[in-house]
Amino acid sequence: MKRLILFLTVAAILFSCKKEENPNPAPIPTVYPPSVYVPIYQPGDTSMGAAYGKKLTANWKAESFCIVQSYFDTNFVAMGLYTYNNFGEQRESIGFSFIPRFGGAAKYLLKANTGSVVAQGYISPSYAIWTSDGDVLQDAYVIDSTAFDNHFTVKSIDMVNKRIECTFTATFKILEPRTSPANPKTVKFSEGRAWAVIRD
């Protein structure tokens, strides 16, 4: 009987103990409110190149186009990613310029290159939202230099077979004053991957 009483007492003590609160609770995941969500448009023709990833929290797909930068220096290529509305009118464009044509597989940081001086180890990014028939700039964005995960990685570049493959993450901030209040102040493209035929 004493053993039974001892067992019940120990059991009561164990069940009455509260689990200690975690002094370091898990961080609350970042959730973008619906007010900053931008519409996802159509990718267009992806037979010569395509891009995939996340735009804020939504799946995103775009047409990809790559050319040799003959207007500046043929040692570089530029890549453009485009989306369109249901009528085939351009709605957004992402650009990556000054990608070394003969640099092979490499990871680059993102920084706006201006003028005739190209910063070594950087790719110059751009992002814009278009309106009307796709030929009127609605709002332009610049790279957010406070985002530490901005990068553009060339996975492969083959000038013989004219093909480039890459991955990227890029956060852009709108240039104020913005034209449309519907356009978010910040747009992040993450888990991005793209390929394209390199056109001369």
Protein backbone atom coordinates (compact mmCIF):
# COMPACT_ATOMS: atom_id res chain seq x y z
CA MET A 1 0.00 0.00 0.00
CA LYS A 2 2.87 2.38 0.83
CA ARG A 3 4.34 1.69 -2.62
CA LEU A 4 1.02 2.55 -4.26
CA ILE A 5 0.76 5.84 -2.34
CA LEU A 6 4.38 6.69 -3.20
CA PHE A 7 3.76 5.88 -6.89
CA LEU A 8 0.60 8.05 -6.99
CA THR A 9 2.40 10.93 -5.24
CA VAL A 10 5.32 10.85 -7.70
CA ALA A 11 2.92 10.58 -10.63
CA ALA A 12 0.91 13.57 -9.36
CA ILE A 13 4.07 15.66 -9.01
CA LEU A 14 5.28 14.74 -12.51
CA PHE A 15 1.95 15.53 -14.14
CA SER A 16 1.65 18.84 -12.30
CA CYS A 17 5.04 20.10 -13.57
CA LYS A 18 4.73 22.68 -16.30
CA LYS A 19 7.05 22.56 -19.25
CA GLU A 20 9.43 25.52 -19.21
CA GLU A 21 8.70 28.21 -21.77
CA ASN A 22 11.24 28.36 -24.59
CA PRO A 23 13.35 31.46 -23.86
CA ASN A 24 14.08 31.80 -27.61
CA PRO A 25 10.78 31.41 -29.45
CA ALA A 26 10.91 30.69 -33.16
CA PRO A 27 10.84 33.85 -35.29
CA ILE A 28 7.55 34.73 -36.91
CA PRO A 29 7.80 34.00 -40.65
CA THR A 30 7.66 36.98 -42.96
CA VAL A 31 4.26 37.12 -44.64
CA TYR A 32 3.53 39.77 -47.24
CA PRO A 33 0.11 41.30 -46.70
CA PRO A 34 -2.26 41.23 -49.68
CA SER A 35 -1.87 45.00 -50.08
CA VAL A 36 1.69 44.57 -51.45
CA TYR A 37 0.93 41.67 -53.78
CA VAL A 38 1.55 42.38 -57.44
CA PRO A 39 -0.38 40.51 -60.13
CA ILE A 40 1.29 37.57 -61.81
CA TYR A 41 1.24 37.95 -65.59
CA GLN A 42 1.79 35.57 -68.51
CA PRO A 43 5.31 34.46 -69.50
CA GLY A 44 5.01 34.93 -73.26
CA ASP A 45 7.05 32.78 -75.65
CA THR A 46 9.43 30.53 -73.68
CA SER A 47 10.77 28.50 -76.62
CA MET A 48 14.08 30.46 -76.67
CA GLY A 49 14.33 31.03 -72.93
CA ALA A 50 12.35 30.93 -69.70
CA ALA A 51 12.64 32.07 -66.08
CA TYR A 52 10.94 30.69 -62.96
CA GLY A 53 10.85 31.63 -59.30
CA LYS A 54 8.88 33.39 -56.58
CA LYS A 55 7.63 36.94 -56.88
CA LEU A 56 6.99 37.90 -53.27
CA THR A 57 5.20 34.68 -52.24
CA ALA A 58 3.61 33.65 -55.56
CA ASN A 59 4.98 31.36 -58.26
CA TRP A 60 6.22 33.38 -61.21
CA LYS A 61 7.27 32.56 -64.78
CA ALA A 62 8.68 34.79 -67.52
CA GLU A 63 10.02 34.77 -71.05
CA SER A 64 13.84 35.03 -71.11
CA PHE A 65 15.90 36.79 -73.79
CA CYS A 66 19.72 37.01 -73.94
CA ILE A 67 21.90 39.06 -76.31
CA VAL A 68 25.55 39.99 -76.68
CA GLN A 69 25.94 43.62 -75.55
CA SER A 70 27.27 44.82 -78.89
CA TYR A 71 26.14 48.39 -78.08
CA PHE A 72 28.66 48.55 -75.21
CA ASP A 73 31.24 45.76 -75.12
CA THR A 74 30.96 42.37 -76.81
CA ASN A 75 32.68 40.76 -73.81
CA PHE A 76 29.34 40.96 -71.99
CA VAL A 77 25.83 39.58 -72.47
CA ALA A 78 22.56 40.96 -71.12
CA MET A 79 19.53 38.99 -70.06
CA GLY A 80 15.93 40.25 -70.01
CA LEU A 81 12.95 38.56 -68.38
CA TYR A 82 9.49 39.65 -69.53
CA THR A 83 5.85 39.06 -68.66
CA TYR A 84 2.69 40.09 -70.54
CA ASN A 85 -1.03 40.54 -69.99
CA ASN A 86 -3.64 38.38 -71.73
CA PHE A 87 -3.45 40.64 -74.82
CA GLY A 88 0.31 40.17 -75.23
CA GLU A 89 1.19 43.64 -73.91
CA GLN A 90 4.35 43.83 -71.81
CA ARG A 91 3.69 44.34 -68.11
CA GLU A 92 7.05 43.86 -66.40
CA SER A 93 10.71 43.50 -67.25
CA ILE A 94 13.75 42.44 -65.28
CA GLY A 95 17.18 43.09 -66.70
CA PHE A 96 20.62 41.71 -65.82
CA SER A 97 23.43 43.49 -67.70
CA PHE A 98 27.21 43.15 -67.90
CA ILE A 99 27.26 39.37 -67.51
CA PRO A 100 30.82 38.33 -68.49
CA ARG A 101 30.57 36.44 -71.75
CA PHE A 102 33.72 34.39 -71.15
CA GLY A 103 33.61 34.27 -67.34
CA GLY A 104 32.27 30.72 -67.06
CA ALA A 105 30.30 29.56 -64.04
CA ALA A 106 30.53 32.21 -61.30
CA LYS A 107 28.51 33.99 -58.63
CA TYR A 108 28.07 37.77 -58.84
CA LEU A 109 26.61 40.41 -56.55
CA LEU A 110 24.06 42.92 -57.83
CA LYS A 111 24.87 46.60 -58.22
CA ALA A 112 23.72 49.24 -60.69
CA ASN A 113 26.55 49.97 -63.13
CA THR A 114 26.38 53.48 -64.53
CA GLY A 115 28.35 55.20 -67.23
CA SER A 116 31.19 53.48 -69.03
CA VAL A 117 32.80 51.96 -65.91
CA VAL A 118 31.79 48.40 -65.05
CA ALA A 119 32.30 47.26 -61.45
CA GLN A 120 34.14 43.93 -61.50
CA GLY A 121 32.30 41.09 -59.78
CA TYR A 122 28.89 42.75 -60.15
CA ILE A 123 25.91 42.32 -62.45
CA SER A 124 23.74 45.38 -63.08
CA PRO A 125 20.02 44.69 -62.40
CA SER A 126 16.84 46.60 -63.28
CA TYR A 127 13.10 46.11 -62.84
CA ALA A 128 10.17 48.02 -64.32
CA ILE A 129 6.40 47.83 -64.59
CA TRP A 130 4.84 48.82 -67.91
CA THR A 131 1.36 49.99 -68.92
CA SER A 132 -0.72 50.93 -71.97
CA ASP A 133 0.30 48.74 -74.93
CA GLY A 134 3.40 47.68 -73.03
CA ASP A 135 5.48 50.61 -74.27
CA VAL A 136 4.79 53.13 -71.48
CA LEU A 137 6.86 52.94 -68.29
CA GLN A 138 4.57 52.99 -65.26
CA ASP A 139 7.09 52.61 -62.42
CA ALA A 140 10.82 51.87 -62.25
CA TYR A 141 12.71 50.14 -59.45
CA VAL A 142 16.32 50.02 -58.25
CA ILE A 143 18.13 47.21 -56.47
CA ASP A 144 17.68 47.24 -52.70
CA SER A 145 21.28 47.34 -51.43
CA THR A 146 20.16 46.39 -47.90
CA ALA A 147 19.02 42.92 -49.04
CA PHE A 148 21.97 40.66 -48.27
CA ASP A 149 20.81 37.74 -50.44
CA ASN A 150 20.91 39.61 -53.78
CA HIS A 151 22.93 37.60 -56.29
CA PHE A 152 23.15 36.38 -59.88
CA THR A 153 24.89 33.05 -60.42
CA VAL A 154 25.91 31.86 -63.88
CA LYS A 155 25.55 28.08 -63.72
CA SER A 156 26.81 27.64 -67.26
CA ILE A 157 27.50 29.81 -70.31
CA ASP A 158 28.27 28.11 -73.60
CA MET A 159 29.17 30.45 -76.45
CA VAL A 160 29.54 27.54 -78.92
CA ASN A 161 26.02 26.21 -78.37
CA LYS A 162 24.72 29.73 -77.53
CA ARG A 163 23.09 28.95 -74.18
CA ILE A 164 23.19 30.44 -70.68
CA GLU A 165 21.74 29.06 -67.43
CA CYS A 166 21.59 31.02 -64.18
CA THR A 167 19.99 31.42 -60.76
CA PHE A 168 19.18 34.68 -58.97
CA THR A 169 17.59 36.44 -56.02
CA ALA A 170 16.87 40.15 -56.29
CA THR A 171 14.99 42.65 -54.14
CA PHE A 172 13.95 45.93 -55.77
CA LYS A 173 12.74 49.24 -54.30
CA ILE A 174 10.44 51.55 -56.22
CA LEU A 175 11.70 54.95 -57.39
CA GLU A 176 9.61 57.63 -55.72
CA PRO A 177 7.36 59.28 -56.49
CA ARG A 178 5.62 56.23 -57.85
CA THR A 179 3.08 56.59 -60.63
CA SER A 180 0.65 53.91 -59.46
CA PRO A 181 -0.22 53.43 -55.78
CA ALA A 182 -1.11 49.83 -56.63
CA ASN A 183 2.55 49.01 -57.27
CA PRO A 184 4.36 47.81 -54.14
CA LYS A 185 7.28 49.74 -52.69
CA THR A 186 9.38 46.56 -52.58
CA VAL A 187 9.35 43.51 -54.86
CA LYS A 188 11.47 40.45 -54.17
CA PHE A 189 12.24 37.73 -56.71
CA SER A 190 13.65 34.64 -55.01
CA GLU A 191 14.55 31.07 -55.95
CA GLY A 192 14.96 32.40 -59.48
CA ARG A 193 16.34 30.24 -62.26
CA ALA A 194 16.54 30.98 -65.95
CA TRP A 195 17.95 29.78 -69.26
CA ALA A 196 18.12 31.39 -72.66
CA VAL A 197 19.55 31.04 -76.13
CA ILE A 198 22.29 33.68 -76.56
CA ARG A 199 21.53 35.77 -79.64
CA ASP A 200 24.22 37.79 -81.42
